[in-house]
């Protein structure tokens, strides 16, 4: 099991090097639903970026590991409930799902209380899908200005999950354009099925799960 995971990871790295040698994106190994037995080999290999989309699962899996591995960076890539924000900023180094003023205010207040600084992506709902989190594109500029002017949050980039069953290319292009308009350097886009296309639009954080760990059990 461990050798397969490492080989999968190395294969992705090599593919990126072969086809996109001008950029070196951060690969977030999305470990949701996978136990520590799956994750530990990749940590021991030296990989640092891991992603979870449910706070309670992440808390039970990562609390002890992060004490032992200080250089591991944990990314919250799923919806963050405002009532979990206080604990979340003590566990996660990055939050990819900032999408409303209430959450921004709570995170800002909790950072100050705990003397913690984290890194944030604004999640954008590019397809205007009701079932998905993320701020709608028409509201992005105002929300970004609010975060910059009314909070001390470190907004480093934009994140999006394109609609399923359509080519994600136009959505990657839109997110790239929006990041340039806002002078944001980081882009969180691209998953197992489309990371190569995301790199065409200069994604800097790839969220890759199944291509590293294999098929997962649905929760």
N, C-alpha and C. Protein backbone atom coordinates (compact mmCIF):
# COMPACT_ATOMS: atom_id res chain seq x y z
N UNK A 1 0.83 -1.21 0.00
CA UNK A 1 0.00 0.00 0.00
C UNK A 1 0.86 1.26 0.00
N UNK A 2 1.85 1.32 0.93
CA UNK A 2 2.65 2.53 1.05
C UNK A 2 3.48 2.79 -0.20
N UNK A 3 4.03 1.72 -0.80
CA UNK A 3 4.84 1.91 -2.00
C UNK A 3 3.99 2.42 -3.16
N UNK A 4 2.73 1.96 -3.27
CA UNK A 4 1.84 2.44 -4.32
C UNK A 4 1.55 3.92 -4.16
N UNK A 5 1.33 4.34 -2.93
CA UNK A 5 1.03 5.74 -2.67
C UNK A 5 2.22 6.63 -3.04
N UNK A 6 3.40 6.22 -2.63
CA UNK A 6 4.60 6.99 -2.96
C UNK A 6 4.82 7.01 -4.47
N UNK A 7 4.65 5.88 -5.12
CA UNK A 7 4.83 5.83 -6.58
C UNK A 7 3.82 6.71 -7.30
N UNK A 8 2.58 6.70 -6.82
CA UNK A 8 1.56 7.57 -7.41
C UNK A 8 1.95 9.03 -7.29
N UNK A 9 2.42 9.39 -6.12
CA UNK A 9 2.82 10.77 -5.88
C UNK A 9 4.01 11.16 -6.77
N UNK A 10 4.99 10.30 -6.86
CA UNK A 10 6.17 10.58 -7.68
C UNK A 10 5.80 10.68 -9.16
N UNK A 11 4.82 9.88 -9.58
CA UNK A 11 4.37 9.91 -10.97
C UNK A 11 3.73 11.26 -11.30
N UNK A 12 2.95 11.80 -10.38
CA UNK A 12 2.34 13.12 -10.57
C UNK A 12 3.42 14.20 -10.64
N UNK A 13 4.37 14.13 -9.74
CA UNK A 13 5.47 15.09 -9.76
C UNK A 13 6.23 15.05 -11.08
N UNK A 14 6.48 13.85 -11.57
CA UNK A 14 7.22 13.71 -12.82
C UNK A 14 6.42 14.23 -14.00
N UNK A 15 5.12 13.95 -13.99
CA UNK A 15 4.26 14.44 -15.07
C UNK A 15 4.25 15.97 -15.12
N UNK A 16 4.20 16.58 -13.95
CA UNK A 16 4.24 18.05 -13.90
C UNK A 16 5.58 18.56 -14.41
N UNK A 17 6.66 17.93 -13.99
CA UNK A 17 7.99 18.35 -14.43
C UNK A 17 8.16 18.21 -15.94
N UNK A 18 7.62 17.12 -16.50
CA UNK A 18 7.76 16.86 -17.93
C UNK A 18 6.99 17.86 -18.79
N UNK A 19 5.83 18.29 -18.30
CA UNK A 19 4.95 19.10 -19.14
C UNK A 19 4.85 20.56 -18.70
N UNK A 20 5.24 20.84 -17.46
CA UNK A 20 5.12 22.21 -16.95
C UNK A 20 6.37 22.57 -16.16
N UNK A 21 7.51 22.50 -16.82
CA UNK A 21 8.76 22.69 -16.09
C UNK A 21 9.03 24.14 -15.71
N UNK A 22 8.14 25.05 -16.10
CA UNK A 22 8.31 26.46 -15.73
C UNK A 22 7.63 26.82 -14.41
N UNK A 23 6.85 25.89 -13.85
CA UNK A 23 6.16 26.16 -12.58
C UNK A 23 6.31 24.97 -11.64
N UNK A 24 6.26 25.26 -10.36
CA UNK A 24 6.34 24.20 -9.35
C UNK A 24 5.17 24.38 -8.39
N UNK A 25 4.03 23.79 -8.71
CA UNK A 25 2.85 23.97 -7.85
C UNK A 25 2.98 23.19 -6.55
N UNK A 26 2.23 23.61 -5.56
CA UNK A 26 2.11 22.85 -4.33
C UNK A 26 1.05 21.78 -4.52
N UNK A 27 1.41 20.55 -4.23
CA UNK A 27 0.46 19.45 -4.33
C UNK A 27 -0.14 19.20 -2.95
N UNK A 28 -1.44 19.43 -2.83
CA UNK A 28 -2.16 19.12 -1.59
C UNK A 28 -2.68 17.70 -1.71
N UNK A 29 -2.14 16.80 -0.92
CA UNK A 29 -2.61 15.41 -0.90
C UNK A 29 -3.91 15.36 -0.11
N UNK A 30 -5.02 15.18 -0.80
CA UNK A 30 -6.33 15.24 -0.16
C UNK A 30 -6.60 13.89 0.49
N UNK A 31 -6.53 13.89 1.81
CA UNK A 31 -6.55 12.63 2.56
C UNK A 31 -7.88 12.35 3.24
N UNK A 32 -8.93 13.06 2.83
CA UNK A 32 -10.25 12.83 3.45
C UNK A 32 -10.66 11.38 3.26
N UNK A 33 -11.22 10.81 4.29
CA UNK A 33 -11.69 9.41 4.41
C UNK A 33 -10.56 8.39 4.55
N UNK A 34 -9.31 8.81 4.36
CA UNK A 34 -8.20 7.86 4.48
C UNK A 34 -7.60 7.92 5.88
N UNK A 35 -7.25 6.76 6.41
CA UNK A 35 -6.69 6.67 7.75
C UNK A 35 -5.23 7.10 7.74
N UNK A 36 -4.69 7.27 8.93
CA UNK A 36 -3.30 7.65 9.08
C UNK A 36 -2.37 6.62 8.45
N UNK A 37 -2.77 5.36 8.42
CA UNK A 37 -1.93 4.33 7.80
C UNK A 37 -1.63 4.65 6.34
N UNK A 38 -2.58 5.28 5.66
CA UNK A 38 -2.38 5.69 4.28
C UNK A 38 -1.54 6.96 4.19
N UNK A 39 -1.71 7.84 5.14
CA UNK A 39 -1.10 9.17 5.08
C UNK A 39 0.35 9.16 5.54
N UNK A 40 0.64 8.37 6.55
CA UNK A 40 1.97 8.39 7.19
C UNK A 40 3.11 8.14 6.20
N UNK A 41 3.01 7.19 5.27
CA UNK A 41 4.13 6.98 4.33
C UNK A 41 4.49 8.24 3.55
N UNK A 42 3.48 9.02 3.18
CA UNK A 42 3.73 10.24 2.42
C UNK A 42 4.38 11.31 3.30
N UNK A 43 3.98 11.36 4.56
CA UNK A 43 4.62 12.28 5.51
C UNK A 43 6.08 11.90 5.68
N UNK A 44 6.33 10.61 5.87
CA UNK A 44 7.70 10.14 6.06
C UNK A 44 8.55 10.35 4.81
N UNK A 45 7.91 10.36 3.65
CA UNK A 45 8.60 10.63 2.40
C UNK A 45 9.07 12.09 2.32
N UNK A 46 8.44 12.94 3.14
CA UNK A 46 8.83 14.34 3.18
C UNK A 46 7.79 15.30 2.64
N UNK A 47 6.62 14.76 2.26
CA UNK A 47 5.59 15.66 1.74
C UNK A 47 4.96 16.45 2.89
N UNK A 48 4.59 17.70 2.59
CA UNK A 48 4.15 18.60 3.67
C UNK A 48 2.70 19.05 3.59
N UNK A 49 2.11 19.08 2.40
CA UNK A 49 0.77 19.67 2.25
C UNK A 49 -0.31 18.58 2.15
N UNK A 50 -1.28 18.65 3.07
CA UNK A 50 -2.38 17.68 3.10
C UNK A 50 -3.70 18.42 3.26
N UNK A 51 -4.77 17.86 2.69
CA UNK A 51 -6.06 18.53 2.71
C UNK A 51 -7.17 17.66 3.28
N UNK A 52 -8.05 18.28 4.02
CA UNK A 52 -9.24 17.63 4.56
C UNK A 52 -10.44 18.52 4.30
N UNK A 53 -11.63 17.90 4.19
CA UNK A 53 -12.80 18.73 3.93
C UNK A 53 -13.84 18.68 5.05
N UNK A 54 -13.56 17.95 6.12
CA UNK A 54 -14.48 17.92 7.27
C UNK A 54 -13.67 18.14 8.54
N UNK A 55 -14.11 19.12 9.31
CA UNK A 55 -13.33 19.52 10.48
C UNK A 55 -13.19 18.40 11.50
N UNK A 56 -14.27 17.71 11.84
CA UNK A 56 -14.21 16.70 12.89
C UNK A 56 -13.27 15.56 12.51
N UNK A 57 -13.33 15.14 11.25
CA UNK A 57 -12.43 14.09 10.79
C UNK A 57 -10.99 14.55 10.87
N UNK A 58 -10.74 15.77 10.45
CA UNK A 58 -9.38 16.30 10.49
C UNK A 58 -8.86 16.41 11.92
N UNK A 59 -9.71 16.82 12.82
CA UNK A 59 -9.31 16.98 14.22
C UNK A 59 -8.85 15.66 14.81
N UNK A 60 -9.60 14.60 14.55
CA UNK A 60 -9.25 13.30 15.12
C UNK A 60 -8.01 12.70 14.48
N UNK A 61 -7.77 13.00 13.21
CA UNK A 61 -6.64 12.42 12.49
C UNK A 61 -5.34 13.18 12.66
N UNK A 62 -5.42 14.50 12.74
CA UNK A 62 -4.22 15.30 12.59
C UNK A 62 -3.70 15.97 13.87
N UNK A 63 -4.48 16.00 14.92
CA UNK A 63 -4.06 16.73 16.12
C UNK A 63 -2.71 16.25 16.65
N UNK A 64 -2.55 14.94 16.77
CA UNK A 64 -1.30 14.40 17.30
C UNK A 64 -0.18 14.47 16.27
N UNK A 65 -0.50 14.19 15.02
CA UNK A 65 0.53 14.20 13.98
C UNK A 65 1.16 15.58 13.86
N UNK A 66 0.36 16.62 13.95
CA UNK A 66 0.90 17.96 13.79
C UNK A 66 1.79 18.36 14.97
N UNK A 67 1.62 17.70 16.09
CA UNK A 67 2.53 17.94 17.21
C UNK A 67 3.90 17.34 16.94
N UNK A 68 3.91 16.21 16.25
CA UNK A 68 5.16 15.50 15.98
C UNK A 68 5.84 15.97 14.70
N UNK A 69 5.04 16.48 13.75
CA UNK A 69 5.59 16.91 12.47
C UNK A 69 5.25 18.39 12.28
N UNK A 70 6.14 19.24 12.77
CA UNK A 70 5.86 20.67 12.82
C UNK A 70 5.80 21.31 11.44
N UNK A 71 6.42 20.68 10.45
CA UNK A 71 6.45 21.29 9.11
C UNK A 71 5.28 20.89 8.23
N UNK A 72 4.43 19.99 8.71
CA UNK A 72 3.24 19.60 7.95
C UNK A 72 2.26 20.77 7.90
N UNK A 73 1.73 21.03 6.71
CA UNK A 73 0.76 22.11 6.51
C UNK A 73 -0.59 21.49 6.17
N UNK A 74 -1.60 21.80 6.97
CA UNK A 74 -2.92 21.22 6.78
C UNK A 74 -3.86 22.26 6.15
N UNK A 75 -4.57 21.82 5.12
CA UNK A 75 -5.46 22.70 4.36
C UNK A 75 -6.91 22.30 4.57
N UNK A 76 -7.75 23.25 4.94
CA UNK A 76 -9.19 23.05 5.00
C UNK A 76 -9.74 23.37 3.62
N UNK A 77 -10.19 22.33 2.89
CA UNK A 77 -10.67 22.54 1.53
C UNK A 77 -12.18 22.40 1.42
N UNK A 78 -12.84 22.03 2.50
CA UNK A 78 -14.29 21.92 2.50
C UNK A 78 -14.94 23.11 3.18
N UNK A 79 -16.24 23.11 3.21
CA UNK A 79 -16.98 24.21 3.84
C UNK A 79 -16.65 24.27 5.32
N UNK A 80 -16.33 25.46 5.80
CA UNK A 80 -16.04 25.65 7.22
C UNK A 80 -17.21 26.34 7.88
N UNK A 81 -17.85 25.61 8.79
CA UNK A 81 -18.96 26.20 9.55
C UNK A 81 -18.41 27.24 10.52
N UNK A 82 -19.13 28.33 10.66
CA UNK A 82 -18.63 29.41 11.52
C UNK A 82 -18.46 28.97 12.97
N UNK A 83 -19.28 28.01 13.42
CA UNK A 83 -19.15 27.56 14.81
C UNK A 83 -17.93 26.66 15.02
N UNK A 84 -17.24 26.28 13.93
CA UNK A 84 -16.02 25.47 14.04
C UNK A 84 -14.77 26.33 13.83
N UNK A 85 -14.97 27.61 13.55
CA UNK A 85 -13.84 28.46 13.17
C UNK A 85 -12.80 28.59 14.28
N UNK A 86 -13.25 28.70 15.52
CA UNK A 86 -12.33 28.89 16.64
C UNK A 86 -11.32 27.75 16.73
N UNK A 87 -11.82 26.53 16.63
CA UNK A 87 -10.92 25.38 16.70
C UNK A 87 -10.16 25.18 15.39
N UNK A 88 -10.80 25.53 14.29
CA UNK A 88 -10.20 25.28 12.98
C UNK A 88 -8.90 26.04 12.80
N UNK A 89 -8.85 27.29 13.23
CA UNK A 89 -7.62 28.06 13.00
C UNK A 89 -6.47 27.55 13.85
N UNK A 90 -6.74 26.76 14.86
CA UNK A 90 -5.67 26.16 15.67
C UNK A 90 -5.13 24.88 15.03
N UNK A 91 -5.88 24.34 14.08
CA UNK A 91 -5.48 23.10 13.44
C UNK A 91 -4.98 23.31 12.01
N UNK A 92 -5.72 24.11 11.25
CA UNK A 92 -5.40 24.29 9.83
C UNK A 92 -4.45 25.47 9.62
N UNK A 93 -3.55 25.31 8.67
CA UNK A 93 -2.64 26.38 8.29
C UNK A 93 -3.21 27.22 7.15
N UNK A 94 -4.03 26.58 6.31
CA UNK A 94 -4.67 27.24 5.17
C UNK A 94 -6.16 26.93 5.20
N UNK A 95 -6.96 27.91 4.84
CA UNK A 95 -8.40 27.71 4.65
C UNK A 95 -8.72 28.12 3.22
N UNK A 96 -9.27 27.18 2.45
CA UNK A 96 -9.56 27.42 1.03
C UNK A 96 -11.02 27.80 0.79
N UNK A 97 -11.80 27.93 1.83
CA UNK A 97 -13.25 28.05 1.66
C UNK A 97 -13.85 29.27 2.35
N UNK A 98 -13.11 30.36 2.37
CA UNK A 98 -13.65 31.61 2.90
C UNK A 98 -14.63 32.18 1.88
N UNK A 99 -15.89 32.39 2.31
CA UNK A 99 -16.88 32.82 1.31
C UNK A 99 -18.00 33.70 1.84
N UNK A 100 -17.88 34.20 3.07
CA UNK A 100 -18.92 35.10 3.55
C UNK A 100 -18.39 35.99 4.67
N UNK A 101 -19.06 37.11 4.86
CA UNK A 101 -18.60 38.12 5.81
C UNK A 101 -18.63 37.60 7.25
N UNK A 102 -19.67 36.87 7.61
CA UNK A 102 -19.75 36.35 8.98
C UNK A 102 -18.54 35.50 9.31
N UNK A 103 -18.18 34.60 8.40
CA UNK A 103 -17.03 33.73 8.64
C UNK A 103 -15.74 34.55 8.69
N UNK A 104 -15.62 35.53 7.82
CA UNK A 104 -14.42 36.38 7.82
C UNK A 104 -14.28 37.10 9.16
N UNK A 105 -15.37 37.63 9.67
CA UNK A 105 -15.32 38.35 10.94
C UNK A 105 -14.94 37.43 12.09
N UNK A 106 -15.50 36.22 12.10
CA UNK A 106 -15.20 35.27 13.17
C UNK A 106 -13.74 34.83 13.12
N UNK A 107 -13.27 34.50 11.93
CA UNK A 107 -11.87 34.09 11.79
C UNK A 107 -10.93 35.22 12.19
N UNK A 108 -11.26 36.43 11.82
CA UNK A 108 -10.44 37.58 12.17
C UNK A 108 -10.37 37.76 13.69
N UNK A 109 -11.50 37.63 14.34
CA UNK A 109 -11.54 37.78 15.79
C UNK A 109 -10.78 36.66 16.50
N UNK A 110 -10.95 35.45 16.00
CA UNK A 110 -10.29 34.30 16.63
C UNK A 110 -8.78 34.34 16.42
N UNK A 111 -8.34 34.82 15.26
CA UNK A 111 -6.90 34.98 15.05
C UNK A 111 -6.30 35.93 16.09
N UNK A 112 -6.99 37.02 16.32
CA UNK A 112 -6.48 38.01 17.27
C UNK A 112 -6.45 37.45 18.69
N UNK A 113 -7.50 36.72 19.05
CA UNK A 113 -7.54 36.13 20.40
C UNK A 113 -6.39 35.15 20.62
N UNK A 114 -6.11 34.36 19.58
CA UNK A 114 -5.11 33.29 19.70
C UNK A 114 -3.72 33.72 19.25
N UNK A 115 -3.59 34.96 18.76
CA UNK A 115 -2.32 35.45 18.20
C UNK A 115 -1.80 34.49 17.12
N UNK A 116 -2.69 34.15 16.20
CA UNK A 116 -2.39 33.22 15.11
C UNK A 116 -2.63 33.93 13.78
N UNK A 117 -1.79 33.65 12.81
CA UNK A 117 -2.02 34.13 11.45
C UNK A 117 -2.09 32.93 10.50
N UNK A 118 -3.16 32.86 9.75
CA UNK A 118 -3.34 31.78 8.78
C UNK A 118 -3.42 32.36 7.37
N UNK A 119 -3.47 31.48 6.38
CA UNK A 119 -3.55 31.91 4.98
C UNK A 119 -4.89 31.47 4.41
N UNK A 120 -5.52 32.37 3.63
CA UNK A 120 -6.89 32.14 3.17
C UNK A 120 -7.02 32.28 1.66
N UNK A 121 -7.86 31.41 1.11
CA UNK A 121 -8.35 31.54 -0.25
C UNK A 121 -9.83 31.90 -0.19
N UNK A 122 -10.26 32.80 -1.03
CA UNK A 122 -11.69 33.05 -1.18
C UNK A 122 -12.23 32.02 -2.17
N UNK A 123 -13.24 31.27 -1.74
CA UNK A 123 -13.85 30.29 -2.64
C UNK A 123 -14.90 30.98 -3.49
N UNK A 124 -14.81 30.78 -4.80
CA UNK A 124 -15.71 31.42 -5.75
C UNK A 124 -16.59 30.35 -6.40
N UNK A 125 -17.91 30.58 -6.36
CA UNK A 125 -18.87 29.67 -6.98
C UNK A 125 -19.07 30.10 -8.43
N UNK A 126 -18.18 29.64 -9.30
CA UNK A 126 -18.15 30.12 -10.68
C UNK A 126 -19.37 29.68 -11.49
N UNK A 127 -19.95 28.54 -11.13
CA UNK A 127 -21.09 28.04 -11.88
C UNK A 127 -22.43 28.44 -11.31
N UNK A 128 -22.43 29.30 -10.28
CA UNK A 128 -23.68 29.72 -9.61
C UNK A 128 -24.52 28.51 -9.22
N UNK A 129 -23.85 27.50 -8.66
CA UNK A 129 -24.53 26.26 -8.28
C UNK A 129 -25.05 26.37 -6.85
N UNK A 130 -26.35 26.16 -6.68
CA UNK A 130 -26.96 26.32 -5.36
C UNK A 130 -26.42 25.34 -4.34
N UNK A 131 -26.02 24.14 -4.79
CA UNK A 131 -25.57 23.11 -3.85
C UNK A 131 -24.12 23.29 -3.41
N UNK A 132 -23.42 24.25 -4.01
CA UNK A 132 -22.01 24.44 -3.69
C UNK A 132 -21.79 25.70 -2.88
N UNK A 133 -20.76 25.63 -2.05
CA UNK A 133 -20.33 26.81 -1.32
C UNK A 133 -19.58 27.74 -2.25
N UNK A 134 -19.27 28.91 -1.75
CA UNK A 134 -18.50 29.87 -2.53
C UNK A 134 -19.29 31.13 -2.80
N UNK A 135 -18.59 32.23 -2.85
CA UNK A 135 -19.23 33.51 -3.14
C UNK A 135 -19.44 33.62 -4.64
N UNK A 136 -20.56 34.20 -5.04
CA UNK A 136 -20.83 34.35 -6.46
C UNK A 136 -19.89 35.39 -7.07
N UNK A 137 -19.56 35.17 -8.31
CA UNK A 137 -18.57 36.00 -8.99
C UNK A 137 -18.93 37.48 -8.94
N UNK A 138 -20.21 37.80 -9.08
CA UNK A 138 -20.62 39.21 -9.09
C UNK A 138 -20.37 39.90 -7.75
N UNK A 139 -20.23 39.10 -6.68
CA UNK A 139 -20.01 39.66 -5.35
C UNK A 139 -18.55 39.60 -4.91
N UNK A 140 -17.68 39.04 -5.76
CA UNK A 140 -16.30 38.80 -5.36
C UNK A 140 -15.55 40.08 -5.04
N UNK A 141 -15.64 41.08 -5.90
CA UNK A 141 -14.89 42.32 -5.68
C UNK A 141 -15.24 42.96 -4.35
N UNK A 142 -16.52 43.06 -4.06
CA UNK A 142 -16.94 43.69 -2.80
C UNK A 142 -16.48 42.89 -1.59
N UNK A 143 -16.58 41.56 -1.70
CA UNK A 143 -16.17 40.73 -0.57
C UNK A 143 -14.66 40.82 -0.35
N UNK A 144 -13.91 40.80 -1.43
CA UNK A 144 -12.46 40.93 -1.29
C UNK A 144 -12.09 42.26 -0.64
N UNK A 145 -12.74 43.35 -1.09
CA UNK A 145 -12.46 44.66 -0.49
C UNK A 145 -12.80 44.68 0.99
N UNK A 146 -13.92 44.00 1.34
CA UNK A 146 -14.28 43.95 2.76
C UNK A 146 -13.19 43.25 3.57
N UNK A 147 -12.74 42.11 3.07
CA UNK A 147 -11.70 41.35 3.79
C UNK A 147 -10.42 42.17 3.94
N UNK A 148 -10.06 42.91 2.90
CA UNK A 148 -8.82 43.70 2.95
C UNK A 148 -8.95 44.93 3.82
N UNK A 149 -10.12 45.55 3.81
CA UNK A 149 -10.28 46.83 4.52
C UNK A 149 -10.81 46.68 5.93
N UNK A 150 -11.55 45.61 6.20
CA UNK A 150 -12.23 45.49 7.50
C UNK A 150 -11.71 44.33 8.34
N UNK A 151 -10.78 43.55 7.83
CA UNK A 151 -10.17 42.47 8.61
C UNK A 151 -8.66 42.49 8.38
N UNK A 152 -7.95 41.69 9.17
CA UNK A 152 -6.51 41.53 9.00
C UNK A 152 -6.18 40.15 8.43
N UNK A 153 -7.17 39.51 7.81
CA UNK A 153 -6.94 38.18 7.25
C UNK A 153 -5.96 38.25 6.08
N UNK A 154 -5.10 37.26 6.01
CA UNK A 154 -4.11 37.18 4.94
C UNK A 154 -4.72 36.43 3.74
N UNK A 155 -5.34 37.18 2.86
CA UNK A 155 -5.97 36.60 1.66
C UNK A 155 -4.89 36.42 0.61
N UNK A 156 -4.58 35.16 0.28
CA UNK A 156 -3.48 34.91 -0.65
C UNK A 156 -3.94 34.54 -2.05
N UNK A 157 -5.23 34.13 -2.21
CA UNK A 157 -5.66 33.71 -3.54
C UNK A 157 -7.12 33.34 -3.62
N UNK A 158 -7.47 32.76 -4.76
CA UNK A 158 -8.84 32.32 -5.03
C UNK A 158 -8.89 30.82 -5.21
N UNK A 159 -10.02 30.24 -4.88
CA UNK A 159 -10.24 28.79 -5.04
C UNK A 159 -11.58 28.57 -5.71
N UNK A 160 -11.67 27.53 -6.52
CA UNK A 160 -12.96 27.17 -7.14
C UNK A 160 -12.99 25.68 -7.45
N UNK A 161 -14.22 25.16 -7.44
CA UNK A 161 -14.50 23.80 -7.88
C UNK A 161 -15.45 23.93 -9.06
N UNK A 162 -14.98 23.71 -10.29
CA UNK A 162 -15.85 23.89 -11.46
C UNK A 162 -17.03 22.92 -11.44
N UNK A 163 -18.11 23.27 -12.14
CA UNK A 163 -19.24 22.35 -12.25
C UNK A 163 -18.81 21.01 -12.86
N UNK A 164 -19.47 19.95 -12.44
CA UNK A 164 -19.18 18.63 -12.96
C UNK A 164 -19.79 18.45 -14.35
N UNK A 165 -19.24 17.51 -15.08
CA UNK A 165 -19.76 17.06 -16.37
C UNK A 165 -19.68 18.13 -17.46
N UNK A 166 -18.85 19.13 -17.25
CA UNK A 166 -18.53 20.09 -18.31
C UNK A 166 -17.03 20.33 -18.24
N UNK A 167 -16.45 20.79 -19.33
CA UNK A 167 -15.02 21.09 -19.32
C UNK A 167 -14.73 22.21 -18.33
N UNK A 168 -13.75 22.00 -17.47
CA UNK A 168 -13.45 23.05 -16.48
C UNK A 168 -12.61 24.19 -17.03
N UNK A 169 -12.20 24.10 -18.30
CA UNK A 169 -11.21 25.06 -18.80
C UNK A 169 -11.68 26.50 -18.70
N UNK A 170 -12.92 26.77 -19.11
CA UNK A 170 -13.36 28.18 -19.09
C UNK A 170 -13.42 28.71 -17.66
N UNK A 171 -13.68 27.82 -16.68
CA UNK A 171 -13.75 28.25 -15.28
C UNK A 171 -12.35 28.53 -14.74
N UNK A 172 -11.39 27.70 -15.14
CA UNK A 172 -10.00 27.96 -14.74
C UNK A 172 -9.53 29.30 -15.32
N UNK A 173 -9.92 29.56 -16.54
CA UNK A 173 -9.53 30.82 -17.20
C UNK A 173 -10.13 32.02 -16.47
N UNK A 174 -11.41 31.90 -16.09
CA UNK A 174 -12.08 32.99 -15.38
C UNK A 174 -11.40 33.25 -14.04
N UNK A 175 -11.12 32.16 -13.30
CA UNK A 175 -10.50 32.34 -11.98
C UNK A 175 -9.12 32.97 -12.10
N UNK A 176 -8.38 32.57 -13.11
CA UNK A 176 -7.07 33.17 -13.35
C UNK A 176 -7.21 34.67 -13.62
N UNK A 177 -8.16 35.04 -14.45
CA UNK A 177 -8.38 36.45 -14.76
C UNK A 177 -8.77 37.25 -13.51
N UNK A 178 -9.65 36.66 -12.69
CA UNK A 178 -10.09 37.34 -11.47
C UNK A 178 -8.94 37.52 -10.49
N UNK A 179 -8.08 36.53 -10.39
CA UNK A 179 -6.94 36.64 -9.48
C UNK A 179 -6.00 37.75 -9.92
N UNK A 180 -5.83 37.88 -11.23
CA UNK A 180 -4.97 38.96 -11.75
C UNK A 180 -5.58 40.33 -11.48
N UNK A 181 -6.90 40.45 -11.64
CA UNK A 181 -7.58 41.72 -11.36
C UNK A 181 -7.39 42.15 -9.92
N UNK A 182 -7.37 41.17 -9.02
CA UNK A 182 -7.26 41.46 -7.59
C UNK A 182 -5.81 41.44 -7.10
N UNK A 183 -4.89 41.20 -8.03
CA UNK A 183 -3.44 41.13 -7.71
C UNK A 183 -3.15 40.06 -6.66
N UNK A 184 -3.81 38.93 -6.80
CA UNK A 184 -3.57 37.79 -5.91
C UNK A 184 -2.66 36.79 -6.62
N UNK A 185 -1.70 36.27 -5.90
CA UNK A 185 -0.66 35.44 -6.51
C UNK A 185 -1.01 33.96 -6.56
N UNK A 186 -1.89 33.49 -5.67
CA UNK A 186 -2.13 32.05 -5.55
C UNK A 186 -3.48 31.66 -6.14
N UNK A 187 -3.51 30.45 -6.71
CA UNK A 187 -4.74 29.87 -7.26
C UNK A 187 -4.86 28.43 -6.79
N UNK A 188 -5.97 28.12 -6.15
CA UNK A 188 -6.26 26.76 -5.71
C UNK A 188 -7.30 26.18 -6.66
N UNK A 189 -6.81 25.45 -7.66
CA UNK A 189 -7.72 24.82 -8.61
C UNK A 189 -7.01 23.65 -9.29
N UNK A 190 -7.81 22.65 -9.64
CA UNK A 190 -7.26 21.44 -10.24
C UNK A 190 -7.27 20.30 -9.25
N UNK A 191 -7.90 19.19 -9.67
CA UNK A 191 -7.97 17.99 -8.84
C UNK A 191 -7.44 16.81 -9.64
N UNK A 192 -7.69 15.60 -9.17
CA UNK A 192 -7.11 14.42 -9.81
C UNK A 192 -7.41 14.35 -11.29
N UNK A 193 -8.63 14.69 -11.68
CA UNK A 193 -9.05 14.51 -13.06
C UNK A 193 -8.64 15.64 -13.99
N UNK A 194 -8.29 16.79 -13.44
CA UNK A 194 -8.08 17.95 -14.31
C UNK A 194 -6.90 18.83 -13.91
N UNK A 195 -5.97 18.28 -13.12
CA UNK A 195 -4.89 19.14 -12.63
C UNK A 195 -3.98 19.64 -13.75
N UNK A 196 -3.80 18.84 -14.79
CA UNK A 196 -2.95 19.27 -15.90
C UNK A 196 -3.55 20.49 -16.60
N UNK A 197 -4.87 20.50 -16.75
CA UNK A 197 -5.54 21.64 -17.36
C UNK A 197 -5.46 22.87 -16.46
N UNK A 198 -5.57 22.65 -15.16
CA UNK A 198 -5.44 23.77 -14.22
C UNK A 198 -4.06 24.39 -14.29
N UNK A 199 -3.04 23.58 -14.51
CA UNK A 199 -1.68 24.10 -14.61
C UNK A 199 -1.49 24.97 -15.85
N UNK A 200 -2.28 24.70 -16.87
CA UNK A 200 -2.25 25.55 -18.07
C UNK A 200 -2.59 27.00 -17.71
N UNK A 201 -3.41 27.16 -16.66
CA UNK A 201 -3.81 28.48 -16.20
C UNK A 201 -3.10 28.86 -14.90
N UNK A 202 -1.94 28.25 -14.69
CA UNK A 202 -0.99 28.65 -13.65
C UNK A 202 -1.51 28.43 -12.23
N UNK A 203 -2.24 27.35 -12.02
CA UNK A 203 -2.64 27.01 -10.65
C UNK A 203 -1.38 26.80 -9.81
N UNK A 204 -1.42 27.28 -8.58
CA UNK A 204 -0.27 27.13 -7.68
C UNK A 204 -0.51 26.11 -6.57
N UNK A 205 -1.78 25.74 -6.35
CA UNK A 205 -2.12 24.71 -5.38
C UNK A 205 -3.07 23.72 -6.04
N UNK A 206 -2.63 22.47 -6.16
CA UNK A 206 -3.46 21.40 -6.73
C UNK A 206 -4.00 20.54 -5.60
N UNK A 207 -5.28 20.20 -5.67
CA UNK A 207 -5.92 19.40 -4.63
C UNK A 207 -6.13 17.97 -5.18
N UNK A 208 -5.20 17.09 -4.90
CA UNK A 208 -5.19 15.78 -5.54
C UNK A 208 -5.37 14.67 -4.49
N UNK A 209 -6.42 13.87 -4.68
CA UNK A 209 -6.70 12.80 -3.73
C UNK A 209 -6.58 11.42 -4.32
N UNK A 210 -7.53 11.04 -5.17
CA UNK A 210 -7.60 9.66 -5.66
C UNK A 210 -6.39 9.25 -6.49
N UNK A 211 -5.79 10.16 -7.21
CA UNK A 211 -4.60 9.81 -7.99
C UNK A 211 -3.39 9.52 -7.11
N UNK A 212 -3.47 9.90 -5.85
CA UNK A 212 -2.41 9.57 -4.89
C UNK A 212 -2.80 8.37 -4.03
N UNK A 213 -3.96 8.45 -3.40
CA UNK A 213 -4.36 7.44 -2.41
C UNK A 213 -5.21 6.32 -2.98
N UNK A 214 -5.74 6.50 -4.20
CA UNK A 214 -6.64 5.51 -4.75
C UNK A 214 -8.09 5.87 -4.48
N UNK A 215 -8.99 4.99 -4.92
CA UNK A 215 -10.43 5.24 -4.74
C UNK A 215 -10.75 5.31 -3.25
N UNK A 216 -11.62 6.26 -2.90
CA UNK A 216 -11.96 6.41 -1.50
C UNK A 216 -13.35 5.92 -1.20
N UNK A 217 -13.58 5.64 0.07
CA UNK A 217 -14.90 5.24 0.54
C UNK A 217 -15.71 6.48 0.80
N UNK A 218 -16.90 6.57 0.22
CA UNK A 218 -17.75 7.73 0.44
C UNK A 218 -18.27 7.75 1.87
N UNK A 219 -18.31 8.95 2.43
CA UNK A 219 -18.83 9.12 3.79
C UNK A 219 -20.29 9.54 3.74
